[in-house]
Amino acid sequence: MGRTKSYYDLRDALAAPGCPVCRVSNVAVEAFLDGLIYEKVNNPNLRQAMREARGFCARHAWGLVRHGAALGSAIMMRDVLRTLQRTLTEARYRSTPMFSLTRVQESVNPQQPRASTAEIVEALSPQSPCPVCADEAKVEAGLITSFVENLTGKGGLLALYRESTGFCLPHLRQVLSQVGDQAAFEALTEVQLGIWGRLEGELDEVIRKSDYRFTGEGVGVEGTAWLRAIATTAGERFGEGTQRGNQESPSSTTTRGQEPLVDDLSMGEDEAAAHD
C-alpha cells in the first residue's frame, strides 16, 4: 500500500503532544486562511461559498485576525454584509390568523419561533457550511482514513499511537466509525484505554497534591493534566494566541509579496456568476 501525505503528517504529529488529527488539521486551516486572505480574496467560487454560508463560523471567523489581514477581510466581509442587507431588505413579515392553531401554539409557548418571521430567519441562516469547516472536514477525513488503513503491519501507526497522548474524543469517535476489523478494533481500544488510564493517574496526583498534607511535594508533569483532560474530551485548540483587539488599518496590511489586493469583485452575486 502506498503511503500518502496524510500518513506522514500523522506519523510526525503522533510524536508531538496533543491529538494528532487536531494538530495536522490546525496546520491545514492556517494554510487555508492564509491562502484565502493573501491570494484568493477575489476567487469567485470562494466568495460565493462565503455568501451562502453567511460568512464563517465563529471559530474560523476569528482565525482571520492576523497580521496583514485587514484589507482582505474587509473585502470579504463587505461582500457578506451586502448579501445580508439585500436578504433583510427583501424580508416580509408573514401574518398568521389570530385564532389559527399556529397562533395558539405560540401563545402557549412564548419561546417557540414565530411562524411570521420563520422565512427571514431561515434566509439569514447559513445556506451552506462555513468554507473553512468544509475544507477542514476533508482534511480530517483523509487523516482518519489513513490512520485506519495504516494502523498495523509494517510501518503501522499503532506503536506510535501507543506512545502518544492519543486522539481527542471527537476524533476517536470518527476513527472508530471507520474500523471494520475486530483485531484492529481490539488493538486500538486497548491502546486508548492505556492512554486514558495514564491521564487519569495524573489527575489523581493533581487532586491528591491539592490536599494540604501533600502540598510540599511540588507539582510535576501532572500539573497540566487538567488542561490535557479538557483537550482530550473536547478537542485541541492550537495557535490560540491571536490578539483580536490588535486591529489594523488597510495601510498597514502586507500581502507577502503578492500584488496589492483590489476588490475586482465589487462584485456581488450577479457579477460573480459571470465568472463561473
C-alpha atoms as a PDB file:
ATOM      1  CA  MET A   1       0.000   0.000   0.000  1.00  0.00           C
ATOM      2  CA  GLY A   2       1.403   3.388  -0.959  1.00  0.00           C
ATOM      3  CA  ARG A   3       1.932   5.981   1.747  1.00  0.00           C
ATOM      4  CA  THR A   4       0.018   9.229   1.387  1.00  0.00           C
ATOM      5  CA  LYS A   5       0.907  12.668   2.708  1.00  0.00           C
ATOM      6  CA  SER A   6      -1.712  12.129   5.415  1.00  0.00           C
ATOM      7  CA  TYR A   7       0.236   9.100   6.658  1.00  0.00           C
ATOM      8  CA  TYR A   8       3.479  11.056   7.016  1.00  0.00           C
ATOM      9  CA  ASP A   9       1.698  14.034   8.570  1.00  0.00           C
ATOM     10  CA  LEU A  10       0.116  11.722  11.137  1.00  0.00           C
ATOM     11  CA  ARG A  11       3.373   9.936  11.821  1.00  0.00           C
ATOM     12  CA  ASP A  12       5.070  13.244  12.632  1.00  0.00           C
ATOM     13  CA  ALA A  13       2.126  14.554  14.653  1.00  0.00           C
ATOM     14  CA  LEU A  14       1.998  11.428  16.814  1.00  0.00           C
ATOM     15  CA  ALA A  15       5.433  12.334  18.148  1.00  0.00           C
ATOM     16  CA  ALA A  16       4.122  15.707  19.399  1.00  0.00           C
ATOM     17  CA  PRO A  17       1.756  16.411  22.307  1.00  0.00           C
ATOM     18  CA  GLY A  18      -1.975  16.505  21.729  1.00  0.00           C
ATOM     19  CA  CYS A  19      -4.428  14.936  19.329  1.00  0.00           C
ATOM     20  CA  PRO A  20      -2.577  14.286  16.056  1.00  0.00           C
ATOM     21  CA  VAL A  21      -5.633  14.937  13.888  1.00  0.00           C
ATOM     22  CA  CYS A  22      -6.269  18.272  15.621  1.00  0.00           C
ATOM     23  CA  ARG A  23      -2.620  19.226  15.134  1.00  0.00           C
ATOM     24  CA  VAL A  24      -2.446  18.442  11.413  1.00  0.00           C
ATOM     25  CA  SER A  25      -5.896  19.863  10.793  1.00  0.00           C
ATOM     26  CA  ASN A  26      -4.904  23.111  12.501  1.00  0.00           C
ATOM     27  CA  VAL A  27      -1.913  23.495  10.169  1.00  0.00           C
ATOM     28  CA  ALA A  28      -4.202  22.927   7.195  1.00  0.00           C
ATOM     29  CA  VAL A  29      -6.724  25.502   8.458  1.00  0.00           C
ATOM     30  CA  GLU A  30      -3.995  28.089   8.963  1.00  0.00           C
ATOM     31  CA  ALA A  31      -2.735  27.483   5.432  1.00  0.00           C
ATOM     32  CA  PHE A  32      -6.280  27.742   4.060  1.00  0.00           C
ATOM     33  CA  LEU A  33      -6.903  31.043   5.847  1.00  0.00           C
ATOM     34  CA  ASP A  34      -3.549  32.457   4.750  1.00  0.00           C
ATOM     35  CA  GLY A  35      -4.257  31.479   1.159  1.00  0.00           C
ATOM     36  CA  LEU A  36      -7.743  32.957   1.366  1.00  0.00           C
ATOM     37  CA  ILE A  37      -6.622  36.274   2.828  1.00  0.00           C
ATOM     38  CA  TYR A  38      -3.478  36.846   0.792  1.00  0.00           C
ATOM     39  CA  GLU A  39      -4.175  35.100  -2.508  1.00  0.00           C
ATOM     40  CA  LYS A  40      -7.823  34.136  -3.024  1.00  0.00           C
ATOM     41  CA  VAL A  41      -9.868  37.078  -1.789  1.00  0.00           C
ATOM     42  CA  ASN A  42     -11.217  37.613  -5.303  1.00  0.00           C
ATOM     43  CA  ASN A  43     -11.816  33.942  -6.098  1.00  0.00           C
ATOM     44  CA  PRO A  44     -15.450  33.936  -7.307  1.00  0.00           C
ATOM     45  CA  ASN A  45     -16.204  30.394  -6.120  1.00  0.00           C
ATOM     46  CA  LEU A  46     -14.918  31.063  -2.614  1.00  0.00           C
ATOM     47  CA  ARG A  47     -16.744  34.369  -2.461  1.00  0.00           C
ATOM     48  CA  GLN A  48     -19.964  32.621  -3.484  1.00  0.00           C
ATOM     49  CA  ALA A  49     -19.375  29.989  -0.796  1.00  0.00           C
ATOM     50  CA  MET A  50     -18.876  32.741   1.794  1.00  0.00           C
ATOM     51  CA  ARG A  51     -22.089  34.471   0.789  1.00  0.00           C
ATOM     52  CA  GLU A  52     -24.051  31.222   1.000  1.00  0.00           C
ATOM     53  CA  ALA A  53     -22.517  30.412   4.378  1.00  0.00           C
ATOM     54  CA  ARG A  54     -23.296  33.951   5.601  1.00  0.00           C
ATOM     55  CA  GLY A  55     -19.617  34.391   6.393  1.00  0.00           C
ATOM     56  CA  PHE A  56     -17.669  31.958   8.545  1.00  0.00           C
ATOM     57  CA  CYS A  57     -18.389  30.027  11.726  1.00  0.00           C
ATOM     58  CA  ALA A  58     -17.270  31.848  14.892  1.00  0.00           C
ATOM     59  CA  ARG A  59     -14.100  29.798  15.316  1.00  0.00           C
ATOM     60  CA  HIS A  60     -12.835  30.347  11.789  1.00  0.00           C
ATOM     61  CA  ALA A  61     -14.055  33.936  11.533  1.00  0.00           C
ATOM     62  CA  TRP A  62     -11.770  34.905  14.394  1.00  0.00           C
ATOM     63  CA  GLY A  63      -9.000  32.969  12.693  1.00  0.00           C
ATOM     64  CA  LEU A  64      -8.953  35.776  10.125  1.00  0.00           C
ATOM     65  CA  VAL A  65      -7.495  38.122  12.722  1.00  0.00           C
ATOM     66  CA  ARG A  66      -3.798  38.112  11.873  1.00  0.00           C
ATOM     67  CA  HIS A  67      -1.111  40.430  10.580  1.00  0.00           C
ATOM     68  CA  GLY A  68      -1.902  41.866   7.181  1.00  0.00           C
ATOM     69  CA  ALA A  69      -5.463  40.577   7.081  1.00  0.00           C
ATOM     70  CA  ALA A  70      -7.428  43.821   7.423  1.00  0.00           C
ATOM     71  CA  LEU A  71      -7.878  44.603   3.734  1.00  0.00           C
ATOM     72  CA  GLY A  72      -8.652  41.061   2.595  1.00  0.00           C
ATOM     73  CA  SER A  73     -11.077  40.527   5.470  1.00  0.00           C
ATOM     74  CA  ALA A  74     -12.756  43.879   4.815  1.00  0.00           C
ATOM     75  CA  ILE A  75     -13.365  42.934   1.178  1.00  0.00           C
ATOM     76  CA  MET A  76     -14.844  39.557   2.106  1.00  0.00           C
ATOM     77  CA  MET A  77     -16.952  40.843   4.989  1.00  0.00           C
ATOM     78  CA  ARG A  78     -18.339  43.690   2.896  1.00  0.00           C
ATOM     79  CA  ASP A  79     -19.486  41.135   0.342  1.00  0.00           C
ATOM     80  CA  VAL A  80     -21.211  39.081   3.031  1.00  0.00           C
ATOM     81  CA  LEU A  81     -22.807  42.173   4.588  1.00  0.00           C
ATOM     82  CA  ARG A  82     -24.201  43.227   1.211  1.00  0.00           C
ATOM     83  CA  THR A  83     -25.810  39.811   0.891  1.00  0.00           C
ATOM     84  CA  LEU A  84     -27.282  40.087   4.392  1.00  0.00           C
ATOM     85  CA  GLN A  85     -28.610  43.585   3.735  1.00  0.00           C
ATOM     86  CA  ARG A  86     -30.240  42.510   0.484  1.00  0.00           C
ATOM     87  CA  THR A  87     -31.758  39.470   2.190  1.00  0.00           C
ATOM     88  CA  LEU A  88     -33.157  41.530   5.060  1.00  0.00           C
ATOM     89  CA  THR A  89     -34.460  44.228   2.692  1.00  0.00           C
ATOM     90  CA  GLU A  90     -36.432  41.609   0.802  1.00  0.00           C
ATOM     91  CA  ALA A  91     -37.862  40.135   4.017  1.00  0.00           C
ATOM     92  CA  ARG A  92     -41.569  40.226   4.659  1.00  0.00           C
ATOM     93  CA  TYR A  93     -43.496  39.691   7.868  1.00  0.00           C
ATOM     94  CA  ARG A  94     -45.982  36.862   7.316  1.00  0.00           C
ATOM     95  CA  SER A  95     -49.091  37.460   9.387  1.00  0.00           C
ATOM     96  CA  THR A  96     -50.985  34.466  10.704  1.00  0.00           C
ATOM     97  CA  PRO A  97     -54.705  34.467  11.561  1.00  0.00           C
ATOM     98  CA  MET A  98     -55.455  35.436  15.155  1.00  0.00           C
ATOM     99  CA  PHE A  99     -57.267  32.202  16.009  1.00  0.00           C
ATOM    100  CA  SER A 100     -55.173  29.803  13.963  1.00  0.00           C
ATOM    101  CA  LEU A 101     -53.566  26.728  15.509  1.00  0.00           C
ATOM    102  CA  THR A 102     -50.153  28.333  14.952  1.00  0.00           C
ATOM    103  CA  ARG A 103     -51.050  31.415  16.993  1.00  0.00           C
ATOM    104  CA  VAL A 104     -52.484  29.252  19.760  1.00  0.00           C
ATOM    105  CA  GLN A 105     -49.300  27.167  19.924  1.00  0.00           C
ATOM    106  CA  GLU A 106     -47.190  30.322  20.007  1.00  0.00           C
ATOM    107  CA  SER A 107     -49.228  31.775  22.856  1.00  0.00           C
ATOM    108  CA  VAL A 108     -48.797  28.578  24.873  1.00  0.00           C
ATOM    109  CA  ASN A 109     -45.034  28.525  24.309  1.00  0.00           C
ATOM    110  CA  PRO A 110     -43.533  32.046  24.133  1.00  0.00           C
ATOM    111  CA  GLN A 111     -40.112  30.553  23.313  1.00  0.00           C
ATOM    112  CA  GLN A 112     -41.354  28.867  20.163  1.00  0.00           C
ATOM    113  CA  PRO A 113     -40.007  30.502  16.977  1.00  0.00           C
ATOM    114  CA  ARG A 114     -42.665  32.646  15.352  1.00  0.00           C
ATOM    115  CA  ALA A 115     -44.067  31.447  12.054  1.00  0.00           C
ATOM    116  CA  SER A 116     -44.386  35.052  10.910  1.00  0.00           C
ATOM    117  CA  THR A 117     -40.608  35.512  10.841  1.00  0.00           C
ATOM    118  CA  ALA A 118     -39.511  31.931  10.141  1.00  0.00           C
ATOM    119  CA  GLU A 119     -38.814  32.674   6.477  1.00  0.00           C
ATOM    120  CA  ILE A 120     -36.406  35.529   7.124  1.00  0.00           C
ATOM    121  CA  VAL A 121     -34.702  33.676   9.974  1.00  0.00           C
ATOM    122  CA  GLU A 122     -34.070  30.815   7.566  1.00  0.00           C
ATOM    123  CA  ALA A 123     -32.845  33.176   4.846  1.00  0.00           C
ATOM    124  CA  LEU A 124     -30.344  34.799   7.224  1.00  0.00           C
ATOM    125  CA  SER A 125     -29.078  31.402   8.386  1.00  0.00           C
ATOM    126  CA  PRO A 126     -26.157  29.660   6.635  1.00  0.00           C
ATOM    127  CA  GLN A 127     -27.316  28.085   3.387  1.00  0.00           C
ATOM    128  CA  SER A 128     -24.126  26.006   3.165  1.00  0.00           C
ATOM    129  CA  PRO A 129     -21.269  25.104   5.557  1.00  0.00           C
ATOM    130  CA  CYS A 130     -18.531  27.534   6.532  1.00  0.00           C
ATOM    131  CA  PRO A 131     -15.938  27.236   3.697  1.00  0.00           C
ATOM    132  CA  VAL A 132     -13.127  26.650   6.186  1.00  0.00           C
ATOM    133  CA  CYS A 133     -15.130  23.991   8.019  1.00  0.00           C
ATOM    134  CA  ALA A 134     -15.759  22.239   4.707  1.00  0.00           C
ATOM    135  CA  ASP A 135     -12.042  22.172   3.875  1.00  0.00           C
ATOM    136  CA  GLU A 136     -11.165  21.125   7.428  1.00  0.00           C
ATOM    137  CA  ALA A 137     -13.612  18.219   7.244  1.00  0.00           C
ATOM    138  CA  LYS A 138     -11.970  16.959   4.040  1.00  0.00           C
ATOM    139  CA  VAL A 139      -8.519  17.099   5.632  1.00  0.00           C
ATOM    140  CA  GLU A 140      -9.669  15.291   8.764  1.00  0.00           C
ATOM    141  CA  ALA A 141     -11.478  12.613   6.773  1.00  0.00           C
ATOM    142  CA  GLY A 142      -8.276  11.898   4.847  1.00  0.00           C
ATOM    143  CA  LEU A 143      -6.229  11.708   8.046  1.00  0.00           C
ATOM    144  CA  ILE A 144      -8.652   9.335   9.738  1.00  0.00           C
ATOM    145  CA  THR A 145      -8.870   7.072   6.698  1.00  0.00           C
ATOM    146  CA  SER A 146      -5.066   6.967   6.504  1.00  0.00           C
ATOM    147  CA  PHE A 147      -4.758   6.128  10.197  1.00  0.00           C
ATOM    148  CA  VAL A 148      -7.214   3.234   9.974  1.00  0.00           C
ATOM    149  CA  GLU A 149      -5.627   1.881   6.790  1.00  0.00           C
ATOM    150  CA  ASN A 150      -2.121   2.078   8.271  1.00  0.00           C
ATOM    151  CA  LEU A 151      -2.865   1.016  11.832  1.00  0.00           C
ATOM    152  CA  THR A 152      -0.988  -2.302  11.778  1.00  0.00           C
ATOM    153  CA  GLY A 153       1.589  -4.040   9.638  1.00  0.00           C
ATOM    154  CA  LYS A 154       4.983  -2.798   8.515  1.00  0.00           C
ATOM    155  CA  GLY A 155       5.269   0.877   9.286  1.00  0.00           C
ATOM    156  CA  GLY A 156       1.921   0.737  11.117  1.00  0.00           C
ATOM    157  CA  LEU A 157       0.944   3.669  13.286  1.00  0.00           C
ATOM    158  CA  LEU A 158      -0.296   1.678  16.279  1.00  0.00           C
ATOM    159  CA  ALA A 159       3.113   1.595  18.001  1.00  0.00           C
ATOM    160  CA  LEU A 160       3.479   5.358  17.647  1.00  0.00           C
ATOM    161  CA  TYR A 161      -0.063   5.850  18.864  1.00  0.00           C
ATOM    162  CA  ARG A 162       0.694   3.786  21.963  1.00  0.00           C
ATOM    163  CA  GLU A 163       3.386   6.295  22.963  1.00  0.00           C
ATOM    164  CA  SER A 164       1.310   9.348  22.091  1.00  0.00           C
ATOM    165  CA  THR A 165      -1.215  11.332  24.111  1.00  0.00           C
ATOM    166  CA  GLY A 166      -3.974   9.926  21.914  1.00  0.00           C
ATOM    167  CA  PHE A 167      -6.850  11.289  19.896  1.00  0.00           C
ATOM    168  CA  CYS A 168      -9.308  13.735  21.334  1.00  0.00           C
ATOM    169  CA  LEU A 169     -12.725  12.177  21.905  1.00  0.00           C
ATOM    170  CA  PRO A 170     -14.384  13.710  18.793  1.00  0.00           C
ATOM    171  CA  HIS A 171     -11.676  12.317  16.525  1.00  0.00           C
ATOM    172  CA  LEU A 172     -11.568   8.979  18.329  1.00  0.00           C
ATOM    173  CA  ARG A 173     -15.260   8.569  17.538  1.00  0.00           C
ATOM    174  CA  GLN A 174     -14.539   9.266  13.872  1.00  0.00           C
ATOM    175  CA  VAL A 175     -11.671   6.769  13.861  1.00  0.00           C
ATOM    176  CA  LEU A 176     -13.777   4.040  15.485  1.00  0.00           C
ATOM    177  CA  SER A 177     -16.553   4.652  12.977  1.00  0.00           C
ATOM    178  CA  GLN A 178     -14.122   3.623  10.217  1.00  0.00           C
ATOM    179  CA  VAL A 179     -12.694   0.487  11.870  1.00  0.00           C
ATOM    180  CA  GLY A 180     -14.066  -2.625  10.177  1.00  0.00           C
ATOM    181  CA  ASP A 181     -11.719  -5.275  11.586  1.00  0.00           C
ATOM    182  CA  GLN A 182     -12.135  -6.826  15.035  1.00  0.00           C
ATOM    183  CA  ALA A 183      -8.407  -7.284  15.647  1.00  0.00           C
ATOM    184  CA  ALA A 184      -7.741  -3.644  14.761  1.00  0.00           C
ATOM    185  CA  PHE A 185     -10.652  -2.560  16.978  1.00  0.00           C
ATOM    186  CA  GLU A 186      -9.353  -4.521  19.948  1.00  0.00           C
ATOM    187  CA  ALA A 187      -5.785  -3.269  19.474  1.00  0.00           C
ATOM    188  CA  LEU A 188      -6.909   0.331  19.178  1.00  0.00           C
ATOM    189  CA  THR A 189      -9.228   0.246  22.178  1.00  0.00           C
ATOM    190  CA  GLU A 190      -6.561  -1.431  24.314  1.00  0.00           C
ATOM    191  CA  VAL A 191      -4.083   1.324  23.493  1.00  0.00           C
ATOM    192  CA  GLN A 192      -6.679   4.064  24.022  1.00  0.00           C
ATOM    193  CA  LEU A 193      -7.627   2.698  27.438  1.00  0.00           C
ATOM    194  CA  GLY A 194      -3.950   2.730  28.399  1.00  0.00           C
ATOM    195  CA  ILE A 195      -3.626   6.379  27.321  1.00  0.00           C
ATOM    196  CA  TRP A 196      -6.709   7.391  29.285  1.00  0.00           C
ATOM    197  CA  GLY A 197      -5.546   5.373  32.285  1.00  0.00           C
ATOM    198  CA  ARG A 198      -2.237   7.255  32.390  1.00  0.00           C
ATOM    199  CA  LEU A 199      -4.040  10.567  32.192  1.00  0.00           C
ATOM    200  CA  GLU A 200      -6.420   9.551  34.973  1.00  0.00           C
ATOM    201  CA  GLY A 201      -3.411   8.687  37.133  1.00  0.00           C
ATOM    202  CA  GLU A 202      -2.013  12.183  36.616  1.00  0.00           C
ATOM    203  CA  LEU A 203      -5.370  13.724  37.521  1.00  0.00           C
ATOM    204  CA  ASP A 204      -5.353  11.615  40.684  1.00  0.00           C
ATOM    205  CA  GLU A 205      -1.992  13.184  41.546  1.00  0.00           C
ATOM    206  CA  VAL A 206      -3.299  16.708  40.932  1.00  0.00           C
ATOM    207  CA  ILE A 207      -6.204  16.021  43.274  1.00  0.00           C
ATOM    208  CA  ARG A 208      -4.016  14.332  45.895  1.00  0.00           C
ATOM    209  CA  LYS A 209      -1.468  17.143  45.940  1.00  0.00           C
ATOM    210  CA  SER A 210      -4.199  19.708  46.446  1.00  0.00           C
ATOM    211  CA  ASP A 211      -4.584  18.219  49.934  1.00  0.00           C
ATOM    212  CA  TYR A 212      -2.694  20.406  52.431  1.00  0.00           C
ATOM    213  CA  ARG A 213      -0.894  17.321  53.739  1.00  0.00           C
ATOM    214  CA  PHE A 214       0.933  16.847  50.422  1.00  0.00           C
ATOM    215  CA  THR A 215       1.405  20.390  49.115  1.00  0.00           C
ATOM    216  CA  GLY A 216       5.089  20.259  49.966  1.00  0.00           C
ATOM    217  CA  GLU A 217       5.711  17.581  47.339  1.00  0.00           C
ATOM    218  CA  GLY A 218       5.652  20.051  44.482  1.00  0.00           C
ATOM    219  CA  VAL A 219       3.969  19.695  41.125  1.00  0.00           C
ATOM    220  CA  GLY A 220       5.461  17.716  38.248  1.00  0.00           C
ATOM    221  CA  VAL A 221       4.255  16.976  34.727  1.00  0.00           C
ATOM    222  CA  GLU A 222       0.825  16.211  36.162  1.00  0.00           C
ATOM    223  CA  GLY A 223       0.345  19.934  36.679  1.00  0.00           C
ATOM    224  CA  THR A 224      -1.051  20.306  33.174  1.00  0.00           C
ATOM    225  CA  ALA A 225      -3.146  17.148  33.325  1.00  0.00           C
ATOM    226  CA  TRP A 226      -6.378  19.079  33.836  1.00  0.00           C
ATOM    227  CA  LEU A 227      -5.749  21.029  30.635  1.00  0.00           C
ATOM    228  CA  ARG A 228      -4.903  17.864  28.742  1.00  0.00           C
ATOM    229  CA  ALA A 229      -8.068  16.241  30.068  1.00  0.00           C
ATOM    230  CA  ILE A 230     -10.140  19.124  28.699  1.00  0.00           C
ATOM    231  CA  ALA A 231      -8.386  18.802  25.339  1.00  0.00           C
ATOM    232  CA  THR A 232      -8.923  15.031  25.385  1.00  0.00           C
ATOM    233  CA  THR A 233     -12.671  15.317  25.784  1.00  0.00           C
ATOM    234  CA  ALA A 234     -13.350  18.480  23.764  1.00  0.00           C
ATOM    235  CA  GLY A 235     -10.546  18.701  21.186  1.00  0.00           C
ATOM    236  CA  GLU A 236      -7.328  20.672  20.968  1.00  0.00           C
ATOM    237  CA  ARG A 237      -7.012  24.416  20.418  1.00  0.00           C
ATOM    238  CA  PHE A 238      -3.650  25.103  18.863  1.00  0.00           C
ATOM    239  CA  GLY A 239      -2.485  28.619  17.992  1.00  0.00           C
ATOM    240  CA  GLU A 240      -4.853  30.493  20.279  1.00  0.00           C
ATOM    241  CA  GLY A 241      -2.507  33.452  20.787  1.00  0.00           C
ATOM    242  CA  THR A 242      -4.275  35.731  18.328  1.00  0.00           C
ATOM    243  CA  GLN A 243      -4.893  39.199  19.709  1.00  0.00           C
ATOM    244  CA  ARG A 244      -8.326  40.099  18.497  1.00  0.00           C
ATOM    245  CA  GLY A 245      -8.049  43.676  19.651  1.00  0.00           C
ATOM    246  CA  ASN A 246      -4.970  44.341  17.555  1.00  0.00           C
ATOM    247  CA  GLN A 247      -6.823  45.851  14.639  1.00  0.00           C
ATOM    248  CA  GLU A 248      -5.043  47.088  11.578  1.00  0.00           C
ATOM    249  CA  SER A 249      -5.850  49.694   9.016  1.00  0.00           C
ATOM    250  CA  PRO A 250      -5.605  48.851   5.292  1.00  0.00           C
ATOM    251  CA  SER A 251      -2.472  50.986   5.056  1.00  0.00           C
ATOM    252  CA  SER A 252      -0.688  48.672   7.482  1.00  0.00           C
ATOM    253  CA  THR A 253      -1.514  45.471   5.615  1.00  0.00           C
ATOM    254  CA  THR A 254       1.027  43.353   3.812  1.00  0.00           C
ATOM    255  CA  THR A 255       0.419  40.800   1.119  1.00  0.00           C
ATOM    256  CA  ARG A 256       3.550  38.678   1.462  1.00  0.00           C
ATOM    257  CA  GLY A 257       4.962  39.661  -1.882  1.00  0.00           C
ATOM    258  CA  GLN A 258       1.658  39.356  -3.722  1.00  0.00           C
ATOM    259  CA  GLU A 259       0.101  42.056  -5.845  1.00  0.00           C
ATOM    260  CA  PRO A 260      -1.999  44.544  -3.835  1.00  0.00           C
ATOM    261  CA  LEU A 261      -5.474  43.238  -3.134  1.00  0.00           C
ATOM    262  CA  VAL A 262      -8.064  45.002  -5.236  1.00  0.00           C
ATOM    263  CA  ASP A 263     -11.713  44.170  -4.915  1.00  0.00           C
ATOM    264  CA  ASP A 264     -12.319  43.433  -8.557  1.00  0.00           C
ATOM    265  CA  LEU A 265     -15.469  41.746  -7.346  1.00  0.00           C
ATOM    266  CA  SER A 266     -17.215  44.799  -6.150  1.00  0.00           C
ATOM    267  CA  MET A 267     -18.835  42.021  -7.326  1.00  0.00           C
ATOM    268  CA  GLY A 268     -21.901  40.737  -5.743  1.00  0.00           C
ATOM    269  CA  GLU A 269     -23.699  37.590  -6.800  1.00  0.00           C
ATOM    270  CA  ASP A 270     -24.629  38.762 -10.319  1.00  0.00           C
ATOM    271  CA  GLU A 271     -21.087  39.713 -11.231  1.00  0.00           C
ATOM    272  CA  ALA A 272     -19.666  36.592  -9.587  1.00  0.00           C
ATOM    273  CA  ALA A 273     -21.966  34.447 -11.706  1.00  0.00           C
ATOM    274  CA  ALA A 274     -20.374  35.874 -14.830  1.00  0.00           C
ATOM    275  CA  HIS A 275     -17.028  34.419 -13.736  1.00  0.00           C
ATOM    276  CA  ASP A 276     -18.356  30.900 -13.119  1.00  0.00           C
END
